[in-house]
Amino acid sequence: MPKPKKPKCDCWKHDFQVCDICQGTGGQDRPELTEVGAYGYHAKKIKKGELGRISKIQEELDELKDAEEQGVRILVACELADVYGALRDYAEKWGYQMEDLRAMATLTKAAFEKGYR
């Protein structure tokens, strides 16, 4: 029986982390993939989060920032939708609906427009 391969990084130590190096989709072991397309739609490696947790919101915000930096308008729209979904799932975990967040955002905007909160 062949000896198991030694991991090339320590991503296996972290919850919900999938490394491009270990997956063979980019990184040091595949220099030909460090150009466009090395990380799917994105120009850089983005840490994966867990749906329903703040880490997923952060992942989607990082992907949104990358999309903006790339200047790809449709990818920005896609990532905005993903941010919405991550926010929705996190809010539902706390018993909120997106309408609750919209109402609070409306109040906050009105307060800022009046110059006080």
PDB file of N, CA and C in Angstrom:
ATOM      1  N   MET A   1       0.849  -1.180   0.000  1.00  0.00           N
ATOM      2  CA  MET A   1       0.000   0.000   0.000  1.00  0.00           C
ATOM      3  C   MET A   1       0.893   1.243   0.000  1.00  0.00           C
ATOM      4  N   PRO A   2       0.622   2.256  -0.868  1.00  0.00           N
ATOM      5  CA  PRO A   2       1.478   3.435  -0.926  1.00  0.00           C
ATOM      6  C   PRO A   2       1.342   4.301   0.323  1.00  0.00           C
ATOM      7  N   LYS A   3       2.425   4.946   0.659  1.00  0.00           N
ATOM      8  CA  LYS A   3       2.455   5.847   1.810  1.00  0.00           C
ATOM      9  C   LYS A   3       1.668   7.121   1.467  1.00  0.00           C
ATOM     10  N   PRO A   4       0.804   7.616   2.393  1.00  0.00           N
ATOM     11  CA  PRO A   4       0.045   8.835   2.106  1.00  0.00           C
ATOM     12  C   PRO A   4       0.987  10.011   1.864  1.00  0.00           C
ATOM     13  N   LYS A   5       0.568  10.895   0.948  1.00  0.00           N
ATOM     14  CA  LYS A   5       1.357  12.083   0.666  1.00  0.00           C
ATOM     15  C   LYS A   5       1.327  13.040   1.847  1.00  0.00           C
ATOM     16  N   LYS A   6       2.454  13.675   2.097  1.00  0.00           N
ATOM     17  CA  LYS A   6       2.534  14.691   3.141  1.00  0.00           C
ATOM     18  C   LYS A   6       1.875  15.969   2.619  1.00  0.00           C
ATOM     19  N   PRO A   7       0.988  16.600   3.425  1.00  0.00           N
ATOM     20  CA  PRO A   7       0.369  17.843   2.972  1.00  0.00           C
ATOM     21  C   PRO A   7       1.423  18.909   2.682  1.00  0.00           C
ATOM     22  N   LYS A   8       1.148  19.745   1.676  1.00  0.00           N
ATOM     23  CA  LYS A   8       2.075  20.804   1.299  1.00  0.00           C
ATOM     24  C   LYS A   8       1.846  22.077   2.101  1.00  0.00           C
ATOM     25  N   CYS A   9       0.806  22.110   2.905  1.00  0.00           N
ATOM     26  CA  CYS A   9       0.530  23.277   3.735  1.00  0.00           C
ATOM     27  C   CYS A   9      -0.215  22.806   4.985  1.00  0.00           C
ATOM     28  N   ASP A  10      -0.673  23.742   5.798  1.00  0.00           N
ATOM     29  CA  ASP A  10      -1.359  23.363   7.035  1.00  0.00           C
ATOM     30  C   ASP A  10      -2.857  23.679   7.015  1.00  0.00           C
ATOM     31  N   CYS A  11      -3.439  23.809   5.810  1.00  0.00           N
ATOM     32  CA  CYS A  11      -4.852  24.180   5.743  1.00  0.00           C
ATOM     33  C   CYS A  11      -5.753  23.134   6.413  1.00  0.00           C
ATOM     34  N   TRP A  12      -5.329  21.899   6.437  1.00  0.00           N
ATOM     35  CA  TRP A  12      -6.138  20.833   7.034  1.00  0.00           C
ATOM     36  C   TRP A  12      -6.333  21.035   8.535  1.00  0.00           C
ATOM     37  N   LYS A  13      -5.537  21.900   9.160  1.00  0.00           N
ATOM     38  CA  LYS A  13      -5.661  22.155  10.598  1.00  0.00           C
ATOM     39  C   LYS A  13      -6.801  23.113  10.922  1.00  0.00           C
ATOM     40  N   HIS A  14      -7.329  23.807   9.909  1.00  0.00           N
ATOM     41  CA  HIS A  14      -8.320  24.852  10.127  1.00  0.00           C
ATOM     42  C   HIS A  14      -9.697  24.403   9.655  1.00  0.00           C
ATOM     43  N   ASP A  15     -10.712  24.709  10.459  1.00  0.00           N
ATOM     44  CA  ASP A  15     -12.086  24.379  10.077  1.00  0.00           C
ATOM     45  C   ASP A  15     -12.467  25.102   8.797  1.00  0.00           C
ATOM     46  N   PHE A  16     -13.122  24.406   7.904  1.00  0.00           N
ATOM     47  CA  PHE A  16     -13.716  24.961   6.697  1.00  0.00           C
ATOM     48  C   PHE A  16     -12.707  25.665   5.792  1.00  0.00           C
ATOM     49  N   GLN A  17     -11.473  25.239   5.816  1.00  0.00           N
ATOM     50  CA  GLN A  17     -10.442  25.831   4.965  1.00  0.00           C
ATOM     51  C   GLN A  17     -10.098  24.846   3.856  1.00  0.00           C
ATOM     52  N   VAL A  18     -10.223  25.278   2.640  1.00  0.00           N
ATOM     53  CA  VAL A  18      -9.812  24.470   1.501  1.00  0.00           C
ATOM     54  C   VAL A  18      -8.740  25.258   0.774  1.00  0.00           C
ATOM     55  N   CYS A  19      -7.571  24.688   0.700  1.00  0.00           N
ATOM     56  CA  CYS A  19      -6.418  25.375   0.133  1.00  0.00           C
ATOM     57  C   CYS A  19      -6.275  25.050  -1.347  1.00  0.00           C
ATOM     58  N   ASP A  20      -5.968  26.066  -2.139  1.00  0.00           N
ATOM     59  CA  ASP A  20      -5.774  25.862  -3.573  1.00  0.00           C
ATOM     60  C   ASP A  20      -4.570  24.974  -3.854  1.00  0.00           C
ATOM     61  N   ILE A  21      -3.577  25.038  -3.009  1.00  0.00           N
ATOM     62  CA  ILE A  21      -2.386  24.202  -3.193  1.00  0.00           C
ATOM     63  C   ILE A  21      -2.763  22.730  -3.037  1.00  0.00           C
ATOM     64  N   CYS A  22      -3.460  22.412  -1.947  1.00  0.00           N
ATOM     65  CA  CYS A  22      -3.836  21.020  -1.698  1.00  0.00           C
ATOM     66  C   CYS A  22      -4.865  20.507  -2.706  1.00  0.00           C
ATOM     67  N   GLN A  23      -5.708  21.392  -3.190  1.00  0.00           N
ATOM     68  CA  GLN A  23      -6.708  20.997  -4.176  1.00  0.00           C
ATOM     69  C   GLN A  23      -6.130  20.935  -5.583  1.00  0.00           C
ATOM     70  N   GLY A  24      -4.902  21.416  -5.735  1.00  0.00           N
ATOM     71  CA  GLY A  24      -4.269  21.381  -7.047  1.00  0.00           C
ATOM     72  C   GLY A  24      -4.842  22.375  -8.033  1.00  0.00           C
ATOM     73  N   THR A  25      -5.399  23.481  -7.524  1.00  0.00           N
ATOM     74  CA  THR A  25      -5.995  24.475  -8.423  1.00  0.00           C
ATOM     75  C   THR A  25      -5.186  25.759  -8.492  1.00  0.00           C
ATOM     76  N   GLY A  26      -4.041  25.772  -7.913  1.00  0.00           N
ATOM     77  CA  GLY A  26      -3.206  26.973  -7.969  1.00  0.00           C
ATOM     78  C   GLY A  26      -2.144  26.923  -6.902  1.00  0.00           C
ATOM     79  N   GLY A  27      -1.360  27.952  -6.827  1.00  0.00           N
ATOM     80  CA  GLY A  27      -0.358  28.044  -5.784  1.00  0.00           C
ATOM     81  C   GLY A  27       1.002  27.569  -6.242  1.00  0.00           C
ATOM     82  N   GLN A  28       1.874  27.339  -5.284  1.00  0.00           N
ATOM     83  CA  GLN A  28       3.278  27.051  -5.553  1.00  0.00           C
ATOM     84  C   GLN A  28       3.500  25.785  -6.376  1.00  0.00           C
ATOM     85  N   ASP A  29       2.650  24.788  -6.189  1.00  0.00           N
ATOM     86  CA  ASP A  29       2.865  23.537  -6.912  1.00  0.00           C
ATOM     87  C   ASP A  29       2.394  23.603  -8.363  1.00  0.00           C
ATOM     88  N   ARG A  30       1.667  24.645  -8.740  1.00  0.00           N
ATOM     89  CA  ARG A  30       1.152  24.805 -10.108  1.00  0.00           C
ATOM     90  C   ARG A  30       1.387  26.231 -10.582  1.00  0.00           C
ATOM     91  N   PRO A  31       2.638  26.611 -10.827  1.00  0.00           N
ATOM     92  CA  PRO A  31       2.912  28.003 -11.207  1.00  0.00           C
ATOM     93  C   PRO A  31       2.195  28.452 -12.466  1.00  0.00           C
ATOM     94  N   GLU A  32       1.823  27.526 -13.333  1.00  0.00           N
ATOM     95  CA  GLU A  32       1.117  27.906 -14.554  1.00  0.00           C
ATOM     96  C   GLU A  32      -0.282  28.447 -14.256  1.00  0.00           C
ATOM     97  N   LEU A  33      -0.787  28.185 -13.035  1.00  0.00           N
ATOM     98  CA  LEU A  33      -2.116  28.657 -12.663  1.00  0.00           C
ATOM     99  C   LEU A  33      -2.084  29.927 -11.831  1.00  0.00           C
ATOM    100  N   THR A  34      -0.934  30.531 -11.667  1.00  0.00           N
ATOM    101  CA  THR A  34      -0.876  31.750 -10.873  1.00  0.00           C
ATOM    102  C   THR A  34      -1.293  32.968 -11.688  1.00  0.00           C
ATOM    103  N   GLU A  35      -1.581  32.782 -12.952  1.00  0.00           N
ATOM    104  CA  GLU A  35      -2.080  33.862 -13.799  1.00  0.00           C
ATOM    105  C   GLU A  35      -3.609  33.904 -13.690  1.00  0.00           C
ATOM    106  N   VAL A  36      -4.263  34.476 -14.662  1.00  0.00           N
ATOM    107  CA  VAL A  36      -5.722  34.594 -14.678  1.00  0.00           C
ATOM    108  C   VAL A  36      -6.364  33.220 -14.515  1.00  0.00           C
ATOM    109  N   GLY A  37      -7.373  33.137 -13.657  1.00  0.00           N
ATOM    110  CA  GLY A  37      -8.099  31.892 -13.459  1.00  0.00           C
ATOM    111  C   GLY A  37      -7.520  30.982 -12.401  1.00  0.00           C
ATOM    112  N   ALA A  38      -6.469  31.408 -11.731  1.00  0.00           N
ATOM    113  CA  ALA A  38      -5.847  30.559 -10.725  1.00  0.00           C
ATOM    114  C   ALA A  38      -6.790  30.273  -9.565  1.00  0.00           C
ATOM    115  N   TYR A  39      -7.670  31.206  -9.269  1.00  0.00           N
ATOM    116  CA  TYR A  39      -8.585  31.050  -8.138  1.00  0.00           C
ATOM    117  C   TYR A  39     -10.029  31.198  -8.606  1.00  0.00           C
ATOM    118  N   GLY A  40     -10.370  30.521  -9.667  1.00  0.00           N
ATOM    119  CA  GLY A  40     -11.721  30.621 -10.205  1.00  0.00           C
ATOM    120  C   GLY A  40     -11.935  32.006 -10.786  1.00  0.00           C
ATOM    121  N   TYR A  41     -12.979  32.674 -10.352  1.00  0.00           N
ATOM    122  CA  TYR A  41     -13.271  34.023 -10.835  1.00  0.00           C
ATOM    123  C   TYR A  41     -12.332  35.065 -10.247  1.00  0.00           C
ATOM    124  N   HIS A  42     -11.656  34.699  -9.190  1.00  0.00           N
ATOM    125  CA  HIS A  42     -10.921  35.697  -8.417  1.00  0.00           C
ATOM    126  C   HIS A  42      -9.434  35.736  -8.716  1.00  0.00           C
ATOM    127  N   ALA A  43      -8.839  36.916  -8.492  1.00  0.00           N
ATOM    128  CA  ALA A  43      -7.431  37.137  -8.792  1.00  0.00           C
ATOM    129  C   ALA A  43      -6.527  36.740  -7.637  1.00  0.00           C
ATOM    130  N   LYS A  44      -7.123  36.454  -6.486  1.00  0.00           N
ATOM    131  CA  LYS A  44      -6.330  36.054  -5.329  1.00  0.00           C
ATOM    132  C   LYS A  44      -7.071  35.006  -4.509  1.00  0.00           C
ATOM    133  N   LYS A  45      -6.331  34.342  -3.675  1.00  0.00           N
ATOM    134  CA  LYS A  45      -6.903  33.310  -2.806  1.00  0.00           C
ATOM    135  C   LYS A  45      -7.766  33.980  -1.744  1.00  0.00           C
ATOM    136  N   ILE A  46      -8.952  33.449  -1.543  1.00  0.00           N
ATOM    137  CA  ILE A  46      -9.882  33.994  -0.557  1.00  0.00           C
ATOM    138  C   ILE A  46     -10.278  32.882   0.394  1.00  0.00           C
ATOM    139  N   LYS A  47     -10.110  33.148   1.682  1.00  0.00           N
ATOM    140  CA  LYS A  47     -10.417  32.154   2.708  1.00  0.00           C
ATOM    141  C   LYS A  47     -11.917  31.860   2.738  1.00  0.00           C
ATOM    142  N   LYS A  48     -12.250  30.592   2.769  1.00  0.00           N
ATOM    143  CA  LYS A  48     -13.638  30.157   2.777  1.00  0.00           C
ATOM    144  C   LYS A  48     -14.241  30.320   4.166  1.00  0.00           C
ATOM    145  N   GLY A  49     -15.526  30.677   4.192  1.00  0.00           N
ATOM    146  CA  GLY A  49     -16.253  30.810   5.448  1.00  0.00           C
ATOM    147  C   GLY A  49     -17.321  29.739   5.556  1.00  0.00           C
ATOM    148  N   GLU A  50     -18.008  29.755   6.683  1.00  0.00           N
ATOM    149  CA  GLU A  50     -19.082  28.783   6.927  1.00  0.00           C
ATOM    150  C   GLU A  50     -20.425  29.498   6.863  1.00  0.00           C
ATOM    151  N   LEU A  51     -21.340  28.983   6.042  1.00  0.00           N
ATOM    152  CA  LEU A  51     -22.658  29.583   5.875  1.00  0.00           C
ATOM    153  C   LEU A  51     -23.360  29.709   7.228  1.00  0.00           C
ATOM    154  N   GLY A  52     -23.934  30.882   7.473  1.00  0.00           N
ATOM    155  CA  GLY A  52     -24.617  31.142   8.735  1.00  0.00           C
ATOM    156  C   GLY A  52     -23.712  31.741   9.795  1.00  0.00           C
ATOM    157  N   ARG A  53     -22.449  31.958   9.442  1.00  0.00           N
ATOM    158  CA  ARG A  53     -21.489  32.533  10.395  1.00  0.00           C
ATOM    159  C   ARG A  53     -20.873  33.796   9.794  1.00  0.00           C
ATOM    160  N   ILE A  54     -20.301  34.621  10.644  1.00  0.00           N
ATOM    161  CA  ILE A  54     -19.666  35.856  10.186  1.00  0.00           C
ATOM    162  C   ILE A  54     -18.563  35.564   9.185  1.00  0.00           C
ATOM    163  N   SER A  55     -17.902  34.436   9.314  1.00  0.00           N
ATOM    164  CA  SER A  55     -16.818  34.098   8.388  1.00  0.00           C
ATOM    165  C   SER A  55     -17.309  34.036   6.942  1.00  0.00           C
ATOM    166  N   LYS A  56     -18.569  33.641   6.725  1.00  0.00           N
ATOM    167  CA  LYS A  56     -19.104  33.589   5.360  1.00  0.00           C
ATOM    168  C   LYS A  56     -19.350  35.001   4.828  1.00  0.00           C
ATOM    169  N   ILE A  57     -19.820  35.892   5.688  1.00  0.00           N
ATOM    170  CA  ILE A  57     -20.009  37.285   5.276  1.00  0.00           C
ATOM    171  C   ILE A  57     -18.658  37.871   4.879  1.00  0.00           C
ATOM    172  N   GLN A  58     -17.624  37.600   5.678  1.00  0.00           N
ATOM    173  CA  GLN A  58     -16.282  38.107   5.368  1.00  0.00           C
ATOM    174  C   GLN A  58     -15.773  37.543   4.050  1.00  0.00           C
ATOM    175  N   GLU A  59     -15.996  36.260   3.810  1.00  0.00           N
ATOM    176  CA  GLU A  59     -15.586  35.652   2.531  1.00  0.00           C
ATOM    177  C   GLU A  59     -16.228  36.388   1.368  1.00  0.00           C
ATOM    178  N   GLU A  60     -17.524  36.616   1.469  1.00  0.00           N
ATOM    179  CA  GLU A  60     -18.239  37.271   0.369  1.00  0.00           C
ATOM    180  C   GLU A  60     -17.797  38.719   0.200  1.00  0.00           C
ATOM    181  N   LEU A  61     -17.506  39.422   1.296  1.00  0.00           N
ATOM    182  CA  LEU A  61     -16.986  40.788   1.192  1.00  0.00           C
ATOM    183  C   LEU A  61     -15.609  40.797   0.532  1.00  0.00           C
ATOM    184  N   ASP A  62     -14.771  39.828   0.879  1.00  0.00           N
ATOM    185  CA  ASP A  62     -13.449  39.727   0.249  1.00  0.00           C
ATOM    186  C   ASP A  62     -13.582  39.456  -1.245  1.00  0.00           C
ATOM    187  N   GLU A  63     -14.538  38.610  -1.612  1.00  0.00           N
ATOM    188  CA  GLU A  63     -14.765  38.319  -3.028  1.00  0.00           C
ATOM    189  C   GLU A  63     -15.314  39.547  -3.746  1.00  0.00           C
ATOM    190  N   LEU A  64     -16.175  40.309  -3.079  1.00  0.00           N
ATOM    191  CA  LEU A  64     -16.706  41.547  -3.653  1.00  0.00           C
ATOM    192  C   LEU A  64     -15.583  42.550  -3.899  1.00  0.00           C
ATOM    193  N   LYS A  65     -14.707  42.690  -2.930  1.00  0.00           N
ATOM    194  CA  LYS A  65     -13.566  43.606  -3.080  1.00  0.00           C
ATOM    195  C   LYS A  65     -12.693  43.180  -4.263  1.00  0.00           C
ATOM    196  N   ASP A  66     -12.449  41.893  -4.383  1.00  0.00           N
ATOM    197  CA  ASP A  66     -11.648  41.380  -5.494  1.00  0.00           C
ATOM    198  C   ASP A  66     -12.341  41.650  -6.833  1.00  0.00           C
ATOM    199  N   ALA A  67     -13.645  41.451  -6.884  1.00  0.00           N
ATOM    200  CA  ALA A  67     -14.401  41.708  -8.113  1.00  0.00           C
ATOM    201  C   ALA A  67     -14.304  43.181  -8.510  1.00  0.00           C
ATOM    202  N   GLU A  68     -14.415  44.062  -7.517  1.00  0.00           N
ATOM    203  CA  GLU A  68     -14.289  45.496  -7.793  1.00  0.00           C
ATOM    204  C   GLU A  68     -12.893  45.839  -8.305  1.00  0.00           C
ATOM    205  N   GLU A  69     -11.874  45.263  -7.663  1.00  0.00           N
ATOM    206  CA  GLU A  69     -10.497  45.514  -8.088  1.00  0.00           C
ATOM    207  C   GLU A  69     -10.256  45.026  -9.521  1.00  0.00           C
ATOM    208  N   GLN A  70     -10.925  43.935  -9.900  1.00  0.00           N
ATOM    209  CA  GLN A  70     -10.800  43.427 -11.266  1.00  0.00           C
ATOM    210  C   GLN A  70     -11.584  44.279 -12.262  1.00  0.00           C
ATOM    211  N   GLY A  71     -12.554  45.047 -11.762  1.00  0.00           N
ATOM    212  CA  GLY A  71     -13.368  45.884 -12.638  1.00  0.00           C
ATOM    213  C   GLY A  71     -14.378  45.119 -13.461  1.00  0.00           C
ATOM    214  N   VAL A  72     -14.831  43.971 -12.951  1.00  0.00           N
ATOM    215  CA  VAL A  72     -15.790  43.140 -13.685  1.00  0.00           C
ATOM    216  C   VAL A  72     -17.181  43.380 -13.092  1.00  0.00           C
ATOM    217  N   ARG A  73     -17.952  44.192 -13.797  1.00  0.00           N
ATOM    218  CA  ARG A  73     -19.261  44.644 -13.305  1.00  0.00           C
ATOM    219  C   ARG A  73     -20.211  43.489 -12.972  1.00  0.00           C
ATOM    220  N   ILE A  74     -20.310  42.499 -13.815  1.00  0.00           N
ATOM    221  CA  ILE A  74     -21.238  41.382 -13.570  1.00  0.00           C
ATOM    222  C   ILE A  74     -20.778  40.542 -12.372  1.00  0.00           C
ATOM    223  N   LEU A  75     -19.471  40.437 -12.166  1.00  0.00           N
ATOM    224  CA  LEU A  75     -18.961  39.705 -11.006  1.00  0.00           C
ATOM    225  C   LEU A  75     -19.275  40.471  -9.722  1.00  0.00           C
ATOM    226  N   VAL A  76     -19.237  41.808  -9.790  1.00  0.00           N
ATOM    227  CA  VAL A  76     -19.642  42.622  -8.640  1.00  0.00           C
ATOM    228  C   VAL A  76     -21.091  42.317  -8.279  1.00  0.00           C
ATOM    229  N   ALA A  77     -21.967  42.256  -9.284  1.00  0.00           N
ATOM    230  CA  ALA A  77     -23.378  41.946  -9.035  1.00  0.00           C
ATOM    231  C   ALA A  77     -23.530  40.566  -8.405  1.00  0.00           C
ATOM    232  N   CYS A  78     -22.791  39.603  -8.905  1.00  0.00           N
ATOM    233  CA  CYS A  78     -22.835  38.244  -8.370  1.00  0.00           C
ATOM    234  C   CYS A  78     -22.407  38.232  -6.901  1.00  0.00           C
ATOM    235  N   GLU A  79     -21.333  38.933  -6.612  1.00  0.00           N
ATOM    236  CA  GLU A  79     -20.822  38.955  -5.230  1.00  0.00           C
ATOM    237  C   GLU A  79     -21.749  39.729  -4.304  1.00  0.00           C
ATOM    238  N   LEU A  80     -22.396  40.786  -4.809  1.00  0.00           N
ATOM    239  CA  LEU A  80     -23.390  41.491  -3.994  1.00  0.00           C
ATOM    240  C   LEU A  80     -24.532  40.551  -3.619  1.00  0.00           C
ATOM    241  N   ALA A  81     -24.956  39.727  -4.571  1.00  0.00           N
ATOM    242  CA  ALA A  81     -26.006  38.739  -4.286  1.00  0.00           C
ATOM    243  C   ALA A  81     -25.528  37.735  -3.243  1.00  0.00           C
ATOM    244  N   ASP A  82     -24.265  37.339  -3.328  1.00  0.00           N
ATOM    245  CA  ASP A  82     -23.714  36.400  -2.346  1.00  0.00           C
ATOM    246  C   ASP A  82     -23.613  37.036  -0.960  1.00  0.00           C
ATOM    247  N   VAL A  83     -23.254  38.336  -0.907  1.00  0.00           N
ATOM    248  CA  VAL A  83     -23.222  39.057   0.374  1.00  0.00           C
ATOM    249  C   VAL A  83     -24.629  39.068   0.971  1.00  0.00           C
ATOM    250  N   TYR A  84     -25.620  39.370   0.131  1.00  0.00           N
ATOM    251  CA  TYR A  84     -27.014  39.383   0.581  1.00  0.00           C
ATOM    252  C   TYR A  84     -27.395  38.029   1.180  1.00  0.00           C
ATOM    253  N   GLY A  85     -27.067  36.959   0.471  1.00  0.00           N
ATOM    254  CA  GLY A  85     -27.389  35.616   0.960  1.00  0.00           C
ATOM    255  C   GLY A  85     -26.696  35.285   2.267  1.00  0.00           C
ATOM    256  N   ALA A  86     -25.431  35.670   2.385  1.00  0.00           N
ATOM    257  CA  ALA A  86     -24.689  35.411   3.626  1.00  0.00           C
ATOM    258  C   ALA A  86     -25.281  36.205   4.785  1.00  0.00           C
ATOM    259  N   LEU A  87     -25.649  37.466   4.513  1.00  0.00           N
ATOM    260  CA  LEU A  87     -26.294  38.290   5.545  1.00  0.00           C
ATOM    261  C   LEU A  87     -27.644  37.700   5.947  1.00  0.00           C
ATOM    262  N   ARG A  88     -28.412  37.267   4.963  1.00  0.00           N
ATOM    263  CA  ARG A  88     -29.732  36.679   5.233  1.00  0.00           C
ATOM    264  C   ARG A  88     -29.617  35.459   6.153  1.00  0.00           C
ATOM    265  N   ASP A  89     -28.696  34.561   5.821  1.00  0.00           N
ATOM    266  CA  ASP A  89     -28.552  33.352   6.626  1.00  0.00           C
ATOM    267  C   ASP A  89     -28.063  33.660   8.034  1.00  0.00           C
ATOM    268  N   TYR A  90     -27.160  34.626   8.153  1.00  0.00           N
ATOM    269  CA  TYR A  90     -26.669  35.015   9.481  1.00  0.00           C
ATOM    270  C   TYR A  90     -27.790  35.684  10.280  1.00  0.00           C
ATOM    271  N   ALA A  91     -28.551  36.576   9.644  1.00  0.00           N
ATOM    272  CA  ALA A  91     -29.650  37.262  10.325  1.00  0.00           C
ATOM    273  C   ALA A  91     -30.710  36.265  10.811  1.00  0.00           C
ATOM    274  N   GLU A  92     -31.030  35.292   9.972  1.00  0.00           N
ATOM    275  CA  GLU A  92     -32.027  34.285  10.351  1.00  0.00           C
ATOM    276  C   GLU A  92     -31.573  33.474  11.556  1.00  0.00           C
ATOM    277  N   LYS A  93     -30.288  33.274  11.673  1.00  0.00           N
ATOM    278  CA  LYS A  93     -29.736  32.559  12.836  1.00  0.00           C
ATOM    279  C   LYS A  93     -30.082  33.290  14.137  1.00  0.00           C
ATOM    280  N   TRP A  94     -30.196  34.626  14.058  1.00  0.00           N
ATOM    281  CA  TRP A  94     -30.513  35.450  15.224  1.00  0.00           C
ATOM    282  C   TRP A  94     -31.996  35.811  15.304  1.00  0.00           C
ATOM    283  N   GLY A  95     -32.798  35.240  14.412  1.00  0.00           N
ATOM    284  CA  GLY A  95     -34.242  35.468  14.444  1.00  0.00           C
ATOM    285  C   GLY A  95     -34.703  36.697  13.676  1.00  0.00           C
ATOM    286  N   TYR A  96     -33.847  37.266  12.839  1.00  0.00           N
ATOM    287  CA  TYR A  96     -34.202  38.434  12.035  1.00  0.00           C
ATOM    288  C   TYR A  96     -34.499  38.037  10.600  1.00  0.00           C
ATOM    289  N   GLN A  97     -35.283  38.868   9.942  1.00  0.00           N
ATOM    290  CA  GLN A  97     -35.539  38.737   8.514  1.00  0.00           C
ATOM    291  C   GLN A  97     -34.877  39.922   7.819  1.00  0.00           C
ATOM    292  N   MET A  98     -34.662  39.819   6.519  1.00  0.00           N
ATOM    293  CA  MET A  98     -34.027  40.915   5.793  1.00  0.00           C
ATOM    294  C   MET A  98     -34.863  42.193   5.871  1.00  0.00           C
ATOM    295  N   GLU A  99     -36.160  42.063   5.982  1.00  0.00           N
ATOM    296  CA  GLU A  99     -37.016  43.245   6.135  1.00  0.00           C
ATOM    297  C   GLU A  99     -36.682  43.992   7.432  1.00  0.00           C
ATOM    298  N   ASP A 100     -36.352  43.267   8.491  1.00  0.00           N
ATOM    299  CA  ASP A 100     -35.940  43.907   9.749  1.00  0.00           C
ATOM    300  C   ASP A 100     -34.688  44.750   9.534  1.00  0.00           C
ATOM    301  N   LEU A 101     -33.726  44.190   8.795  1.00  0.00           N
ATOM    302  CA  LEU A 101     -32.481  44.914   8.532  1.00  0.00           C
ATOM    303  C   LEU A 101     -32.728  46.120   7.638  1.00  0.00           C
ATOM    304  N   ARG A 102     -33.598  45.955   6.637  1.00  0.00           N
ATOM    305  CA  ARG A 102     -33.924  47.071   5.754  1.00  0.00           C
ATOM    306  C   ARG A 102     -34.563  48.218   6.539  1.00  0.00           C
ATOM    307  N   ALA A 103     -35.483  47.889   7.449  1.00  0.00           N
ATOM    308  CA  ALA A 103     -36.148  48.915   8.259  1.00  0.00           C
ATOM    309  C   ALA A 103     -35.135  49.659   9.132  1.00  0.00           C
ATOM    310  N   MET A 104     -34.211  48.930   9.739  1.00  0.00           N
ATOM    311  CA  MET A 104     -33.205  49.578  10.583  1.00  0.00           C
ATOM    312  C   MET A 104     -32.265  50.433   9.745  1.00  0.00           C
ATOM    313  N   ALA A 105     -31.885  49.952   8.562  1.00  0.00           N
ATOM    314  CA  ALA A 105     -31.013  50.726   7.677  1.00  0.00           C
ATOM    315  C   ALA A 105     -31.703  52.022   7.237  1.00  0.00           C
ATOM    316  N   THR A 106     -33.012  51.962   7.009  1.00  0.00           N
ATOM    317  CA  THR A 106     -33.774  53.151   6.633  1.00  0.00           C
ATOM    318  C   THR A 106     -33.773  54.171   7.765  1.00  0.00           C
ATOM    319  N   LEU A 107     -33.982  53.690   8.990  1.00  0.00           N
ATOM    320  CA  LEU A 107     -33.937  54.591  10.158  1.00  0.00           C
ATOM    321  C   LEU A 107     -32.560  55.226  10.326  1.00  0.00           C
ATOM    322  N   THR A 108     -31.524  54.423  10.155  1.00  0.00           N
ATOM    323  CA  THR A 108     -30.154  54.926  10.302  1.00  0.00           C
ATOM    324  C   THR A 108     -29.851  55.983   9.242  1.00  0.00           C
ATOM    325  N   LYS A 109     -30.263  55.723   8.009  1.00  0.00           N
ATOM    326  CA  LYS A 109     -30.032  56.686   6.922  1.00  0.00           C
ATOM    327  C   LYS A 109     -30.744  58.003   7.230  1.00  0.00           C
ATOM    328  N   ALA A 110     -31.981  57.923   7.673  1.00  0.00           N
ATOM    329  CA  ALA A 110     -32.739  59.126   8.007  1.00  0.00           C
ATOM    330  C   ALA A 110     -32.064  59.907   9.132  1.00  0.00           C
ATOM    331  N   ALA A 111     -31.565  59.195  10.127  1.00  0.00           N
ATOM    332  CA  ALA A 111     -30.890  59.853  11.246  1.00  0.00           C
ATOM    333  C   ALA A 111     -29.628  60.575  10.767  1.00  0.00           C
ATOM    334  N   PHE A 112     -28.849  59.937   9.909  1.00  0.00           N
ATOM    335  CA  PHE A 112     -27.642  60.571   9.381  1.00  0.00           C
ATOM    336  C   PHE A 112     -27.984  61.789   8.518  1.00  0.00           C
ATOM    337  N   GLU A 113     -29.041  61.681   7.734  1.00  0.00           N
ATOM    338  CA  GLU A 113     -29.450  62.806   6.891  1.00  0.00           C
ATOM    339  C   GLU A 113     -29.885  63.996   7.733  1.00  0.00           C
ATOM    340  N   LYS A 114     -30.453  63.727   8.914  1.00  0.00           N
ATOM    341  CA  LYS A 114     -30.854  64.803   9.828  1.00  0.00           C
ATOM    342  C   LYS A 114     -29.673  65.326  10.644  1.00  0.00           C
ATOM    343  N   GLY A 115     -28.581  64.555  10.620  1.00  0.00           N
ATOM    344  CA  GLY A 115     -27.374  65.003  11.311  1.00  0.00           C
ATOM    345  C   GLY A 115     -27.213  64.497  12.732  1.00  0.00           C
ATOM    346  N   TYR A 116     -28.044  63.600  13.162  1.00  0.00           N
ATOM    347  CA  TYR A 116     -27.881  63.016  14.493  1.00  0.00           C
ATOM    348  C   TYR A 116     -28.519  61.640  14.534  1.00  0.00           C
ATOM    349  N   ARG A 117     -28.049  60.852  15.548  1.00  0.00           N
ATOM    350  CA  ARG A 117     -28.605  59.507  15.703  1.00  0.00           C
ATOM    351  C   ARG A 117     -29.192  59.342  17.074  1.00  0.00           C
TER     352      ARG A 117
END
